[in-house]
PDB file of N, CA and C in Angstrom:
ATOM      1  N   UNK A   1      -0.962  17.779   8.559  1.00  0.00           N
ATOM      2  CA  UNK A   1      -2.293  17.290   9.106  1.00  0.00           C
ATOM      3  C   UNK A   1      -2.601  16.233   7.984  1.00  0.00           C
ATOM      4  N   UNK A   2      -2.094  15.442   7.242  1.00  0.00           N
ATOM      5  CA  UNK A   2      -2.190  14.105   6.621  1.00  0.00           C
ATOM      6  C   UNK A   2      -1.532  13.090   7.052  1.00  0.00           C
ATOM      7  N   UNK A   3      -1.845  11.823   7.519  1.00  0.00           N
ATOM      8  CA  UNK A   3      -1.559  10.982   8.185  1.00  0.00           C
ATOM      9  C   UNK A   3      -1.669   9.746   7.383  1.00  0.00           C
ATOM     10  N   UNK A   4      -0.952   8.608   7.292  1.00  0.00           N
ATOM     11  CA  UNK A   4      -1.305   7.288   6.375  1.00  0.00           C
ATOM     12  C   UNK A   4      -0.879   6.337   7.424  1.00  0.00           C
ATOM     13  N   UNK A   5      -1.214   5.234   8.029  1.00  0.00           N
ATOM     14  CA  UNK A   5      -0.895   4.578   8.814  1.00  0.00           C
ATOM     15  C   UNK A   5      -1.559   2.949   7.916  1.00  0.00           C
ATOM     16  N   UNK A   6      -0.302   2.676   8.335  1.00  0.00           N
ATOM     17  CA  UNK A   6      -0.351   1.157   7.863  1.00  0.00           C
ATOM     18  C   UNK A   6      -0.737   0.081   8.941  1.00  0.00           C
ATOM     19  N   UNK A   7      -0.869  -1.035   8.748  1.00  0.00           N
ATOM     20  CA  UNK A   7      -1.074  -2.183   9.226  1.00  0.00           C
ATOM     21  C   UNK A   7      -1.507  -3.544   8.705  1.00  0.00           C
ATOM     22  N   UNK A   8      -1.054  -5.032   9.410  1.00  0.00           N
ATOM     23  CA  UNK A   8      -1.329  -6.110   8.808  1.00  0.00           C
ATOM     24  C   UNK A   8      -0.130  -6.504   8.658  1.00  0.00           C
ATOM     25  N   UNK A   9       1.138  -6.112   8.781  1.00  0.00           N
ATOM     26  CA  UNK A   9       2.368  -6.872   8.743  1.00  0.00           C
ATOM     27  C   UNK A   9       3.018  -8.080   9.760  1.00  0.00           C
ATOM     28  N   UNK A  10       3.606  -8.610   9.549  1.00  0.00           N
ATOM     29  CA  UNK A  10       3.907  -9.576  10.471  1.00  0.00           C
ATOM     30  C   UNK A  10       4.961 -10.818   9.904  1.00  0.00           C
ATOM     31  N   UNK A  11       5.198 -11.891  10.940  1.00  0.00           N
ATOM     32  CA  UNK A  11       5.811 -12.838  10.303  1.00  0.00           C
ATOM     33  C   UNK A  11       4.963 -14.060   9.899  1.00  0.00           C
ATOM     34  N   UNK A  12       5.371 -14.439   8.505  1.00  0.00           N
ATOM     35  CA  UNK A  12       4.438 -15.562   7.783  1.00  0.00           C
ATOM     36  C   UNK A  12       5.299 -16.456   7.447  1.00  0.00           C
ATOM     37  N   UNK A  13       4.800 -17.827   7.031  1.00  0.00           N
ATOM     38  CA  UNK A  13       5.951 -18.792   6.398  1.00  0.00           C
ATOM     39  C   UNK A  13       5.606 -18.791   4.857  1.00  0.00           C
ATOM     40  N   UNK A  14       6.447 -19.396   3.926  1.00  0.00           N
ATOM     41  CA  UNK A  14       6.324 -19.658   2.884  1.00  0.00           C
ATOM     42  C   UNK A  14       5.036 -20.146   2.596  1.00  0.00           C
ATOM     43  N   UNK A  15       4.220 -19.521   1.366  1.00  0.00           N
ATOM     44  CA  UNK A  15       2.838 -20.108   0.991  1.00  0.00           C
ATOM     45  C   UNK A  15       1.733 -19.203   1.701  1.00  0.00           C
ATOM     46  N   UNK A  16       2.078 -18.155   2.528  1.00  0.00           N
ATOM     47  CA  UNK A  16       1.364 -17.797   3.735  1.00  0.00           C
ATOM     48  C   UNK A  16       0.361 -16.839   3.133  1.00  0.00           C
ATOM     49  N   UNK A  17      -0.350 -16.507   3.892  1.00  0.00           N
ATOM     50  CA  UNK A  17      -1.117 -15.030   3.403  1.00  0.00           C
ATOM     51  C   UNK A  17      -1.145 -13.845   4.398  1.00  0.00           C
ATOM     52  N   UNK A  18      -1.096 -12.796   4.117  1.00  0.00           N
ATOM     53  CA  UNK A  18      -1.414 -11.470   4.971  1.00  0.00           C
ATOM     54  C   UNK A  18      -1.794 -10.372   4.029  1.00  0.00           C
ATOM     55  N   UNK A  19      -2.834  -9.785   4.865  1.00  0.00           N
ATOM     56  CA  UNK A  19      -3.548  -8.562   4.383  1.00  0.00           C
ATOM     57  C   UNK A  19      -3.176  -7.348   4.973  1.00  0.00           C
ATOM     58  N   UNK A  20      -2.447  -6.239   4.578  1.00  0.00           N
ATOM     59  CA  UNK A  20      -2.098  -5.060   4.763  1.00  0.00           C
ATOM     60  C   UNK A  20      -3.096  -3.946   4.688  1.00  0.00           C
ATOM     61  N   UNK A  21      -3.221  -3.248   5.184  1.00  0.00           N
ATOM     62  CA  UNK A  21      -4.150  -2.283   5.243  1.00  0.00           C
ATOM     63  C   UNK A  21      -3.712  -0.457   5.723  1.00  0.00           C
ATOM     64  N   UNK A  22      -4.332   0.360   4.833  1.00  0.00           N
ATOM     65  CA  UNK A  22      -3.423   1.498   4.977  1.00  0.00           C
ATOM     66  C   UNK A  22      -4.830   2.534   5.259  1.00  0.00           C
ATOM     67  N   UNK A  23      -5.123   3.796   5.992  1.00  0.00           N
ATOM     68  CA  UNK A  23      -5.893   4.696   6.867  1.00  0.00           C
ATOM     69  C   UNK A  23      -5.414   5.876   6.466  1.00  0.00           C
ATOM     70  N   UNK A  24      -6.072   6.491   5.608  1.00  0.00           N
ATOM     71  CA  UNK A  24      -5.417   8.262   5.035  1.00  0.00           C
ATOM     72  C   UNK A  24      -6.668   8.772   6.406  1.00  0.00           C
ATOM     73  N   UNK A  25      -5.987   9.746   6.969  1.00  0.00           N
ATOM     74  CA  UNK A  25      -6.364  10.782   7.847  1.00  0.00           C
ATOM     75  C   UNK A  25      -6.220  12.157   7.620  1.00  0.00           C
ATOM     76  N   UNK A  26      -7.038  13.088   8.502  1.00  0.00           N
ATOM     77  CA  UNK A  26      -6.671  14.273   8.546  1.00  0.00           C
ATOM     78  C   UNK A  26      -7.434  15.295   7.674  1.00  0.00           C
ATOM     79  N   UNK A  27      -6.825  16.262   6.896  1.00  0.00           N
ATOM     80  CA  UNK A  27      -7.363  17.014   5.998  1.00  0.00           C
ATOM     81  C   UNK A  27      -7.564  16.675   4.660  1.00  0.00           C
ATOM     82  N   UNK A  28      -8.587  16.063   4.581  1.00  0.00           N
ATOM     83  CA  UNK A  28      -8.468  15.409   2.985  1.00  0.00           C
ATOM     84  C   UNK A  28      -9.865  15.881   2.348  1.00  0.00           C
ATOM     85  N   UNK A  29      -9.675  16.390   1.082  1.00  0.00           N
ATOM     86  CA  UNK A  29     -11.078  16.779   0.352  1.00  0.00           C
ATOM     87  C   UNK A  29     -10.972  15.549  -0.811  1.00  0.00           C
ATOM     88  N   UNK A  30      -9.815  15.041  -1.166  1.00  0.00           N
ATOM     89  CA  UNK A  30     -10.140  13.926  -2.096  1.00  0.00           C
ATOM     90  C   UNK A  30      -8.576  13.131  -2.396  1.00  0.00           C
ATOM     91  N   UNK A  31      -8.841  11.687  -2.489  1.00  0.00           N
ATOM     92  CA  UNK A  31      -7.693  10.864  -2.916  1.00  0.00           C
ATOM     93  C   UNK A  31      -7.368  10.355  -4.460  1.00  0.00           C
ATOM     94  N   UNK A  32      -6.637  10.555  -4.840  1.00  0.00           N
ATOM     95  CA  UNK A  32      -6.245  10.199  -6.148  1.00  0.00           C
ATOM     96  C   UNK A  32      -5.689   8.732  -6.339  1.00  0.00           C
ATOM     97  N   UNK A  33      -4.645   8.544  -6.710  1.00  0.00           N
ATOM     98  CA  UNK A  33      -3.984   7.139  -6.681  1.00  0.00           C
ATOM     99  C   UNK A  33      -3.660   6.635  -5.636  1.00  0.00           C
ATOM    100  N   UNK A  34      -3.926   5.434  -5.016  1.00  0.00           N
ATOM    101  CA  UNK A  34      -3.444   4.594  -4.037  1.00  0.00           C
ATOM    102  C   UNK A  34      -2.652   3.885  -4.385  1.00  0.00           C
ATOM    103  N   UNK A  35      -1.438   3.400  -3.685  1.00  0.00           N
ATOM    104  CA  UNK A  35      -0.021   2.496  -3.801  1.00  0.00           C
ATOM    105  C   UNK A  35       0.384   1.797  -2.843  1.00  0.00           C
ATOM    106  N   UNK A  36       1.010   0.732  -2.643  1.00  0.00           N
ATOM    107  CA  UNK A  36       1.867   0.116  -2.289  1.00  0.00           C
ATOM    108  C   UNK A  36       3.359   0.002  -2.855  1.00  0.00           C
ATOM    109  N   UNK A  37       4.262   0.200  -1.866  1.00  0.00           N
ATOM    110  CA  UNK A  37       5.436   0.204  -2.183  1.00  0.00           C
ATOM    111  C   UNK A  37       6.171  -0.990  -1.420  1.00  0.00           C
ATOM    112  N   UNK A  38       7.693  -1.437  -1.626  1.00  0.00           N
ATOM    113  CA  UNK A  38       8.064  -2.255  -0.381  1.00  0.00           C
ATOM    114  C   UNK A  38       9.752  -1.925  -1.149  1.00  0.00           C
ATOM    115  N   UNK A  39      10.058  -2.087   0.489  1.00  0.00           N
ATOM    116  CA  UNK A  39      12.015  -1.830   0.366  1.00  0.00           C
ATOM    117  C   UNK A  39      12.596  -3.066   1.471  1.00  0.00           C
ATOM    118  N   UNK A  40      13.247  -3.851   0.702  1.00  0.00           N
ATOM    119  CA  UNK A  40      14.059  -5.050   1.204  1.00  0.00           C
ATOM    120  C   UNK A  40      15.375  -4.447   1.316  1.00  0.00           C
ATOM    121  N   UNK A  41      16.265  -4.830   2.537  1.00  0.00           N
ATOM    122  CA  UNK A  41      17.404  -4.484   3.129  1.00  0.00           C
ATOM    123  C   UNK A  41      18.284  -4.530   1.810  1.00  0.00           C
ATOM    124  N   UNK A  42      18.938  -3.215   1.978  1.00  0.00           N
ATOM    125  CA  UNK A  42      19.825  -3.083   0.702  1.00  0.00           C
ATOM    126  C   UNK A  42      19.570  -2.634  -0.916  1.00  0.00           C
ATOM    127  N   UNK A  43      17.975  -2.370  -0.791  1.00  0.00           N
ATOM    128  CA  UNK A  43      17.650  -2.658  -2.248  1.00  0.00           C
ATOM    129  C   UNK A  43      16.641  -1.397  -2.234  1.00  0.00           C
ATOM    130  N   UNK A  44      16.272  -0.672  -3.802  1.00  0.00           N
ATOM    131  CA  UNK A  44      15.603   0.298  -3.569  1.00  0.00           C
ATOM    132  C   UNK A  44      13.874   0.085  -3.325  1.00  0.00           C
ATOM    133  N   UNK A  45      13.684   1.400  -2.926  1.00  0.00           N
ATOM    134  CA  UNK A  45      12.239   0.905  -2.891  1.00  0.00           C
ATOM    135  C   UNK A  45      11.440   0.644  -4.403  1.00  0.00           C
ATOM    136  N   UNK A  46      10.580  -0.477  -4.186  1.00  0.00           N
ATOM    137  CA  UNK A  46       9.830  -0.403  -5.689  1.00  0.00           C
ATOM    138  C   UNK A  46       8.517  -0.390  -5.300  1.00  0.00           C
ATOM    139  N   UNK A  47       7.674  -0.141  -6.388  1.00  0.00           N
ATOM    140  CA  UNK A  47       6.134  -0.127  -6.802  1.00  0.00           C
ATOM    141  C   UNK A  47       5.652  -1.475  -6.858  1.00  0.00           C
ATOM    142  N   UNK A  48       4.874  -1.943  -6.033  1.00  0.00           N
ATOM    143  CA  UNK A  48       3.957  -3.169  -5.873  1.00  0.00           C
ATOM    144  C   UNK A  48       2.755  -3.245  -6.658  1.00  0.00           C
ATOM    145  N   UNK A  49       1.807  -2.343  -6.233  1.00  0.00           N
ATOM    146  CA  UNK A  49       0.728  -2.474  -6.715  1.00  0.00           C
ATOM    147  C   UNK A  49       0.302  -1.045  -6.588  1.00  0.00           C
ATOM    148  N   UNK A  50      -0.568  -0.362  -7.567  1.00  0.00           N
ATOM    149  CA  UNK A  50      -1.679   0.801  -7.603  1.00  0.00           C
ATOM    150  C   UNK A  50      -2.762   1.034  -8.070  1.00  0.00           C
ATOM    151  N   UNK A  51      -3.690   1.452  -7.262  1.00  0.00           N
ATOM    152  CA  UNK A  51      -5.270   1.287  -7.712  1.00  0.00           C
ATOM    153  C   UNK A  51      -5.573   3.002  -8.178  1.00  0.00           C
ATOM    154  N   UNK A  52      -6.613   3.044  -9.197  1.00  0.00           N
ATOM    155  CA  UNK A  52      -6.908   4.644  -9.374  1.00  0.00           C
ATOM    156  C   UNK A  52      -8.197   4.876  -8.336  1.00  0.00           C
ATOM    157  N   UNK A  53      -8.637   6.168  -8.250  1.00  0.00           N
ATOM    158  CA  UNK A  53      -9.876   6.474  -7.800  1.00  0.00           C
ATOM    159  C   UNK A  53     -11.061   5.747  -7.653  1.00  0.00           C
ATOM    160  N   UNK A  54     -11.110   4.791  -9.061  1.00  0.00           N
ATOM    161  CA  UNK A  54     -12.529   3.944  -9.778  1.00  0.00           C
ATOM    162  C   UNK A  54     -12.062   2.599  -9.335  1.00  0.00           C
ATOM    163  N   UNK A  55     -10.708   2.260  -8.745  1.00  0.00           N
ATOM    164  CA  UNK A  55     -10.662   0.588  -8.328  1.00  0.00           C
ATOM    165  C   UNK A  55     -10.003   0.195  -9.560  1.00  0.00           C
ATOM    166  N   UNK A  56      -9.238   0.660 -10.485  1.00  0.00           N
ATOM    167  CA  UNK A  56      -8.467  -0.234 -11.686  1.00  0.00           C
ATOM    168  C   UNK A  56      -6.784  -0.247 -10.956  1.00  0.00           C
ATOM    169  N   UNK A  57      -6.771  -1.346 -11.172  1.00  0.00           N
ATOM    170  CA  UNK A  57      -5.476  -1.767 -10.235  1.00  0.00           C
ATOM    171  C   UNK A  57      -4.212  -2.249 -11.148  1.00  0.00           C
ATOM    172  N   UNK A  58      -3.128  -1.950 -10.859  1.00  0.00           N
ATOM    173  CA  UNK A  58      -2.058  -2.360 -11.489  1.00  0.00           C
ATOM    174  C   UNK A  58      -1.018  -2.832 -10.794  1.00  0.00           C
ATOM    175  N   UNK A  59      -0.432  -4.140 -11.152  1.00  0.00           N
ATOM    176  CA  UNK A  59       0.851  -4.591 -10.298  1.00  0.00           C
ATOM    177  C   UNK A  59       2.045  -4.789 -11.024  1.00  0.00           C
ATOM    178  N   UNK A  60       3.212  -4.942  -9.977  1.00  0.00           N
ATOM    179  CA  UNK A  60       4.227  -5.293 -10.471  1.00  0.00           C
ATOM    180  C   UNK A  60       4.348  -6.826 -11.014  1.00  0.00           C
ATOM    181  N   UNK A  61       5.182  -6.981 -11.925  1.00  0.00           N
ATOM    182  CA  UNK A  61       5.278  -8.614 -12.790  1.00  0.00           C
ATOM    183  C   UNK A  61       5.321  -9.540 -11.460  1.00  0.00           C
ATOM    184  N   UNK A  62       6.399  -8.929 -10.525  1.00  0.00           N
ATOM    185  CA  UNK A  62       6.906 -10.230  -9.628  1.00  0.00           C
ATOM    186  C   UNK A  62       5.758 -10.477  -8.808  1.00  0.00           C
ATOM    187  N   UNK A  63       4.359  -9.952  -8.391  1.00  0.00           N
ATOM    188  CA  UNK A  63       3.327  -9.966  -7.727  1.00  0.00           C
ATOM    189  C   UNK A  63       2.023 -10.210  -8.350  1.00  0.00           C
ATOM    190  N   UNK A  64       2.101 -10.312  -9.801  1.00  0.00           N
ATOM    191  CA  UNK A  64       0.651 -10.528 -10.497  1.00  0.00           C
ATOM    192  C   UNK A  64       0.352 -11.849 -10.273  1.00  0.00           C
ATOM    193  N   UNK A  65      -0.904 -12.150  -9.827  1.00  0.00           N
ATOM    194  CA  UNK A  65      -1.638 -13.363  -9.946  1.00  0.00           C
ATOM    195  C   UNK A  65      -1.448 -13.823  -8.373  1.00  0.00           C
ATOM    196  N   UNK A  66      -0.758 -12.712  -7.573  1.00  0.00           N
ATOM    197  CA  UNK A  66      -0.634 -13.383  -5.819  1.00  0.00           C
ATOM    198  C   UNK A  66      -1.171 -12.335  -5.478  1.00  0.00           C
ATOM    199  N   UNK A  67      -1.161 -11.049  -5.405  1.00  0.00           N
ATOM    200  CA  UNK A  67      -1.047  -9.890  -4.594  1.00  0.00           C
ATOM    201  C   UNK A  67      -2.648  -9.542  -5.208  1.00  0.00           C
ATOM    202  N   UNK A  68      -3.390  -8.734  -4.342  1.00  0.00           N
ATOM    203  CA  UNK A  68      -4.380  -8.069  -4.902  1.00  0.00           C
ATOM    204  C   UNK A  68      -4.900  -6.681  -3.956  1.00  0.00           C
ATOM    205  N   UNK A  69      -4.976  -5.731  -4.835  1.00  0.00           N
ATOM    206  CA  UNK A  69      -4.993  -3.786  -4.269  1.00  0.00           C
ATOM    207  C   UNK A  69      -6.405  -3.978  -4.353  1.00  0.00           C
ATOM    208  N   UNK A  70      -6.989  -3.220  -3.286  1.00  0.00           N
ATOM    209  CA  UNK A  70      -8.208  -2.850  -3.227  1.00  0.00           C
ATOM    210  C   UNK A  70      -8.325  -1.427  -2.497  1.00  0.00           C
ATOM    211  N   UNK A  71      -9.598  -0.724  -2.342  1.00  0.00           N
ATOM    212  CA  UNK A  71      -9.637   0.392  -1.543  1.00  0.00           C
ATOM    213  C   UNK A  71     -11.013   0.712  -1.625  1.00  0.00           C
ATOM    214  N   UNK A  72     -11.328   1.249  -0.059  1.00  0.00           N
ATOM    215  CA  UNK A  72     -12.665   1.476   0.268  1.00  0.00           C
ATOM    216  C   UNK A  72     -12.559   3.013   0.190  1.00  0.00           C
ATOM    217  N   UNK A  73     -13.060   3.942  -0.545  1.00  0.00           N
ATOM    218  CA  UNK A  73     -13.064   5.338  -0.643  1.00  0.00           C
ATOM    219  C   UNK A  73     -14.031   6.111   0.416  1.00  0.00           C
ATOM    220  N   UNK A  74     -15.034   5.230   0.957  1.00  0.00           N
ATOM    221  CA  UNK A  74     -15.523   5.877   1.983  1.00  0.00           C
ATOM    222  C   UNK A  74     -15.090   5.810   3.428  1.00  0.00           C
ATOM    223  N   UNK A  75     -14.134   4.778   3.633  1.00  0.00           N
ATOM    224  CA  UNK A  75     -12.933   4.916   4.627  1.00  0.00           C
ATOM    225  C   UNK A  75     -11.455   5.466   4.093  1.00  0.00           C
ATOM    226  N   UNK A  76     -11.281   5.903   3.061  1.00  0.00           N
ATOM    227  CA  UNK A  76      -9.955   6.345   2.977  1.00  0.00           C
ATOM    228  C   UNK A  76      -8.948   5.220   3.055  1.00  0.00           C
ATOM    229  N   UNK A  77      -9.389   4.242   2.646  1.00  0.00           N
ATOM    230  CA  UNK A  77      -8.530   2.902   2.904  1.00  0.00           C
ATOM    231  C   UNK A  77      -8.071   2.156   1.754  1.00  0.00           C
ATOM    232  N   UNK A  78      -7.017   1.991   1.906  1.00  0.00           N
ATOM    233  CA  UNK A  78      -6.414   0.767   0.697  1.00  0.00           C
ATOM    234  C   UNK A  78      -5.825  -0.364   1.405  1.00  0.00           C
ATOM    235  N   UNK A  79      -5.976  -1.414   0.356  1.00  0.00           N
ATOM    236  CA  UNK A  79      -5.644  -2.948   1.124  1.00  0.00           C
ATOM    237  C   UNK A  79      -4.652  -3.454   0.010  1.00  0.00           C
ATOM    238  N   UNK A  80      -4.264  -4.301   0.762  1.00  0.00           N
ATOM    239  CA  UNK A  80      -2.859  -5.123  -0.032  1.00  0.00           C
ATOM    240  C   UNK A  80      -3.197  -6.583   0.726  1.00  0.00           C
ATOM    241  N   UNK A  81      -4.092  -7.241  -0.537  1.00  0.00           N
ATOM    242  CA  UNK A  81      -4.218  -8.783   0.074  1.00  0.00           C
ATOM    243  C   UNK A  81      -2.896  -9.590  -0.544  1.00  0.00           C
ATOM    244  N   UNK A  82      -1.847 -10.484   0.130  1.00  0.00           N
ATOM    245  CA  UNK A  82      -1.026 -11.237  -0.174  1.00  0.00           C
ATOM    246  C   UNK A  82      -1.026 -12.543  -0.046  1.00  0.00           C
ATOM    247  N   UNK A  83      -0.712 -13.359  -1.201  1.00  0.00           N
ATOM    248  CA  UNK A  83      -1.210 -14.604  -1.093  1.00  0.00           C
ATOM    249  C   UNK A  83       0.096 -15.382  -1.852  1.00  0.00           C
ATOM    250  N   UNK A  84       0.156 -16.831  -1.249  1.00  0.00           N
ATOM    251  CA  UNK A  84       1.252 -17.691  -1.849  1.00  0.00           C
ATOM    252  C   UNK A  84       3.000 -16.586  -1.807  1.00  0.00           C
ATOM    253  N   UNK A  85       2.977 -16.282  -0.332  1.00  0.00           N
ATOM    254  CA  UNK A  85       4.052 -15.144   0.077  1.00  0.00           C
ATOM    255  C   UNK A  85       5.720 -16.411  -0.563  1.00  0.00           C
ATOM    256  N   UNK A  86       6.267 -15.237  -1.070  1.00  0.00           N
ATOM    257  CA  UNK A  86       7.611 -15.777  -0.630  1.00  0.00           C
ATOM    258  C   UNK A  86       8.766 -15.450   0.066  1.00  0.00           C
ATOM    259  N   UNK A  87       9.785 -15.791   0.172  1.00  0.00           N
ATOM    260  CA  UNK A  87      10.971 -15.297   1.128  1.00  0.00           C
ATOM    261  C   UNK A  87      11.428 -13.951   0.567  1.00  0.00           C
ATOM    262  N   UNK A  88      11.178 -13.824  -1.181  1.00  0.00           N
ATOM    263  CA  UNK A  88      11.908 -12.646  -1.619  1.00  0.00           C
ATOM    264  C   UNK A  88      10.547 -11.757  -1.780  1.00  0.00           C
ATOM    265  N   UNK A  89       9.416 -11.779  -0.993  1.00  0.00           N
ATOM    266  CA  UNK A  89       8.403 -10.716  -0.481  1.00  0.00           C
ATOM    267  C   UNK A  89       8.689  -9.898   0.409  1.00  0.00           C
ATOM    268  N   UNK A  90      10.233 -10.427   1.382  1.00  0.00           N
ATOM    269  CA  UNK A  90      10.318  -9.886   2.845  1.00  0.00           C
ATOM    270  C   UNK A  90      10.887  -8.499   2.468  1.00  0.00           C
ATOM    271  N   UNK A  91       9.833  -7.762   3.280  1.00  0.00           N
ATOM    272  CA  UNK A  91      10.332  -6.075   2.942  1.00  0.00           C
ATOM    273  C   UNK A  91       9.414  -5.001   4.237  1.00  0.00           C
ATOM    274  N   UNK A  92      10.027  -3.892   4.140  1.00  0.00           N
ATOM    275  CA  UNK A  92       8.760  -2.974   4.566  1.00  0.00           C
ATOM    276  C   UNK A  92       8.150  -2.550   3.314  1.00  0.00           C
ATOM    277  N   UNK A  93       6.581  -2.539   4.071  1.00  0.00           N
ATOM    278  CA  UNK A  93       5.903  -2.071   3.240  1.00  0.00           C
ATOM    279  C   UNK A  93       5.253  -0.752   3.527  1.00  0.00           C
ATOM    280  N   UNK A  94       5.458   0.494   2.259  1.00  0.00           N
ATOM    281  CA  UNK A  94       4.963   1.685   2.350  1.00  0.00           C
ATOM    282  C   UNK A  94       3.581   1.830   1.522  1.00  0.00           C
ATOM    283  N   UNK A  95       2.879   2.556   2.346  1.00  0.00           N
ATOM    284  CA  UNK A  95       1.751   2.744   1.384  1.00  0.00           C
ATOM    285  C   UNK A  95       1.668   4.460   1.143  1.00  0.00           C
ATOM    286  N   UNK A  96       1.499   4.640   0.018  1.00  0.00           N
ATOM    287  CA  UNK A  96       1.335   5.954  -0.784  1.00  0.00           C
ATOM    288  C   UNK A  96      -0.009   6.280  -1.536  1.00  0.00           C
ATOM    289  N   UNK A  97      -0.309   7.915  -0.967  1.00  0.00           N
ATOM    290  CA  UNK A  97      -1.293   8.564  -1.810  1.00  0.00           C
ATOM    291  C   UNK A  97      -1.191   9.541  -2.439  1.00  0.00           C
ATOM    292  N   UNK A  98      -2.221  10.000  -3.258  1.00  0.00           N
ATOM    293  CA  UNK A  98      -2.124  11.184  -3.904  1.00  0.00           C
ATOM    294  C   UNK A  98      -3.379  12.018  -3.143  1.00  0.00           C
ATOM    295  N   UNK A  99      -2.913  13.192  -2.363  1.00  0.00           N
ATOM    296  CA  UNK A  99      -4.275  13.390  -1.582  1.00  0.00           C
ATOM    297  C   UNK A  99      -4.383  14.875  -1.714  1.00  0.00           C
ATOM    298  N   UNK A 100      -5.870  15.600  -2.223  1.00  0.00           N
ATOM    299  CA  UNK A 100      -6.096  16.939  -2.454  1.00  0.00           C
ATOM    300  C   UNK A 100      -6.642  17.416  -1.118  1.00  0.00           C
ATOM    301  N   UNK A 101      -5.892  18.148  -0.384  1.00  0.00           N
ATOM    302  CA  UNK A 101      -6.523  18.569   0.668  1.00  0.00           C
ATOM    303  C   UNK A 101      -7.729  19.665   1.240  1.00  0.00           C
ATOM    304  N   UNK A 102      -7.952  20.468   0.361  1.00  0.00           N
ATOM    305  CA  UNK A 102      -8.899  21.289   0.605  1.00  0.00           C
ATOM    306  C   UNK A 102      -9.893  21.553  -0.709  1.00  0.00           C
ATOM    307  N   UNK A 103     -10.904  22.018  -0.943  1.00  0.00           N
ATOM    308  CA  UNK A 103     -11.641  22.907  -1.888  1.00  0.00           C
ATOM    309  C   UNK A 103     -11.120  23.962  -2.805  1.00  0.00           C
ATOM    310  N   UNK A 104     -10.146  24.690  -2.254  1.00  0.00           N
ATOM    311  CA  UNK A 104      -9.570  26.022  -2.916  1.00  0.00           C
ATOM    312  C   UNK A 104      -8.216  25.445  -3.792  1.00  0.00           C
ATOM    313  N   UNK A 105      -7.850  24.450  -3.645  1.00  0.00           N
ATOM    314  CA  UNK A 105      -6.651  24.033  -3.989  1.00  0.00           C
ATOM    315  C   UNK A 105      -6.893  22.779  -4.558  1.00  0.00           C
ATOM    316  N   UNK A 106      -6.480  22.798  -6.235  1.00  0.00           N
ATOM    317  CA  UNK A 106      -6.657  21.374  -7.083  1.00  0.00           C
ATOM    318  C   UNK A 106      -5.326  20.709  -6.728  1.00  0.00           C
ATOM    319  N   UNK A 107      -4.370  21.340  -6.037  1.00  0.00           N
ATOM    320  CA  UNK A 107      -3.103  20.105  -6.164  1.00  0.00           C
ATOM    321  C   UNK A 107      -3.260  19.271  -4.958  1.00  0.00           C
ATOM    322  N   UNK A 108      -2.302  18.011  -5.809  1.00  0.00           N
ATOM    323  CA  UNK A 108      -2.651  16.084  -5.217  1.00  0.00           C
ATOM    324  C   UNK A 108      -1.169  16.583  -4.695  1.00  0.00           C
ATOM    325  N   UNK A 109      -0.939  16.161  -3.271  1.00  0.00           N
ATOM    326  CA  UNK A 109       0.215  15.911  -2.966  1.00  0.00           C
ATOM    327  C   UNK A 109       0.551  14.823  -2.409  1.00  0.00           C
ATOM    328  N   UNK A 110       1.755  14.024  -2.351  1.00  0.00           N
ATOM    329  CA  UNK A 110       2.112  12.650  -2.475  1.00  0.00           C
ATOM    330  C   UNK A 110       2.470  12.387  -1.008  1.00  0.00           C
ATOM    331  N   UNK A 111       1.715  11.600  -0.058  1.00  0.00           N
ATOM    332  CA  UNK A 111       1.901  11.440   1.063  1.00  0.00           C
ATOM    333  C   UNK A 111       2.516   9.725   1.512  1.00  0.00           C
ATOM    334  N   UNK A 112       3.057   9.672   2.171  1.00  0.00           N
ATOM    335  CA  UNK A 112       3.672   8.156   2.688  1.00  0.00           C
ATOM    336  C   UNK A 112       3.526   7.625   4.069  1.00  0.00           C
ATOM    337  N   UNK A 113       2.648   6.470   4.019  1.00  0.00           N
ATOM    338  CA  UNK A 113       3.096   6.044   5.795  1.00  0.00           C
ATOM    339  C   UNK A 113       4.389   5.567   5.860  1.00  0.00           C
ATOM    340  N   UNK A 114       4.360   5.349   7.151  1.00  0.00           N
ATOM    341  CA  UNK A 114       5.535   5.027   7.917  1.00  0.00           C
ATOM    342  C   UNK A 114       6.343   3.607   7.726  1.00  0.00           C
ATOM    343  N   UNK A 115       5.367   2.589   7.149  1.00  0.00           N
ATOM    344  CA  UNK A 115       5.757   1.420   6.860  1.00  0.00           C
ATOM    345  C   UNK A 115       5.294   0.348   7.640  1.00  0.00           C
ATOM    346  N   UNK A 116       5.208  -1.216   7.426  1.00  0.00           N
ATOM    347  CA  UNK A 116       5.119  -2.238   7.965  1.00  0.00           C
ATOM    348  C   UNK A 116       5.996  -3.111   7.487  1.00  0.00           C
ATOM    349  N   UNK A 117       6.693  -4.210   8.635  1.00  0.00           N
ATOM    350  CA  UNK A 117       7.606  -5.211   7.980  1.00  0.00           C
ATOM    351  C   UNK A 117       6.807  -6.261   7.648  1.00  0.00           C
ATOM    352  N   UNK A 118       6.939  -6.674   6.785  1.00  0.00           N
ATOM    353  CA  UNK A 118       6.663  -8.258   6.102  1.00  0.00           C
ATOM    354  C   UNK A 118       7.552  -9.270   6.037  1.00  0.00           C
ATOM    355  N   UNK A 119       7.841 -10.115   6.676  1.00  0.00           N
ATOM    356  CA  UNK A 119       9.280 -11.155   6.716  1.00  0.00           C
ATOM    357  C   UNK A 119       8.330 -12.734   6.539  1.00  0.00           C
ATOM    358  N   UNK A 120       9.226 -13.175   5.476  1.00  0.00           N
ATOM    359  CA  UNK A 120       8.217 -14.212   5.036  1.00  0.00           C
ATOM    360  C   UNK A 120       9.439 -15.552   5.186  1.00  0.00           C
ATOM    361  N   UNK A 121       9.340 -16.279   5.769  1.00  0.00           N
ATOM    362  CA  UNK A 121      10.304 -16.882   6.432  1.00  0.00           C
ATOM    363  C   UNK A 121       9.874 -18.378   7.110  1.00  0.00           C
ATOM    364  N   UNK A 122      10.762 -19.814   7.084  1.00  0.00           N
ATOM    365  CA  UNK A 122      10.428 -20.815   7.701  1.00  0.00           C
ATOM    366  C   UNK A 122      11.068 -21.088   9.023  1.00  0.00           C
TER     367      UNK A 122
END
């Protein structure tokens, strides 16, 4: 009853930019940390960036200075602005969120989106 849906992926040339969005919907009482992960072919899924409920970001070293994570709590949405893209950024990008579903349970569950493909190539 909770869905995360990513959008904004695509094909871009090296040095270009893309902005990913992820909207959480369904039975949501609160959202704690939101994050972006990525998985390249033949590699393990890796953390790209996180943002806390009050907007404090954290980044993997490989994307620092190029990517910016942000969120809009009113819209249950997290964004990933990706600039100066490199071929090694090519991957499926996944949204993740820790979500509390109702007032009666204080448990936060981890949810994943279905992924959006980002391809950086000339």
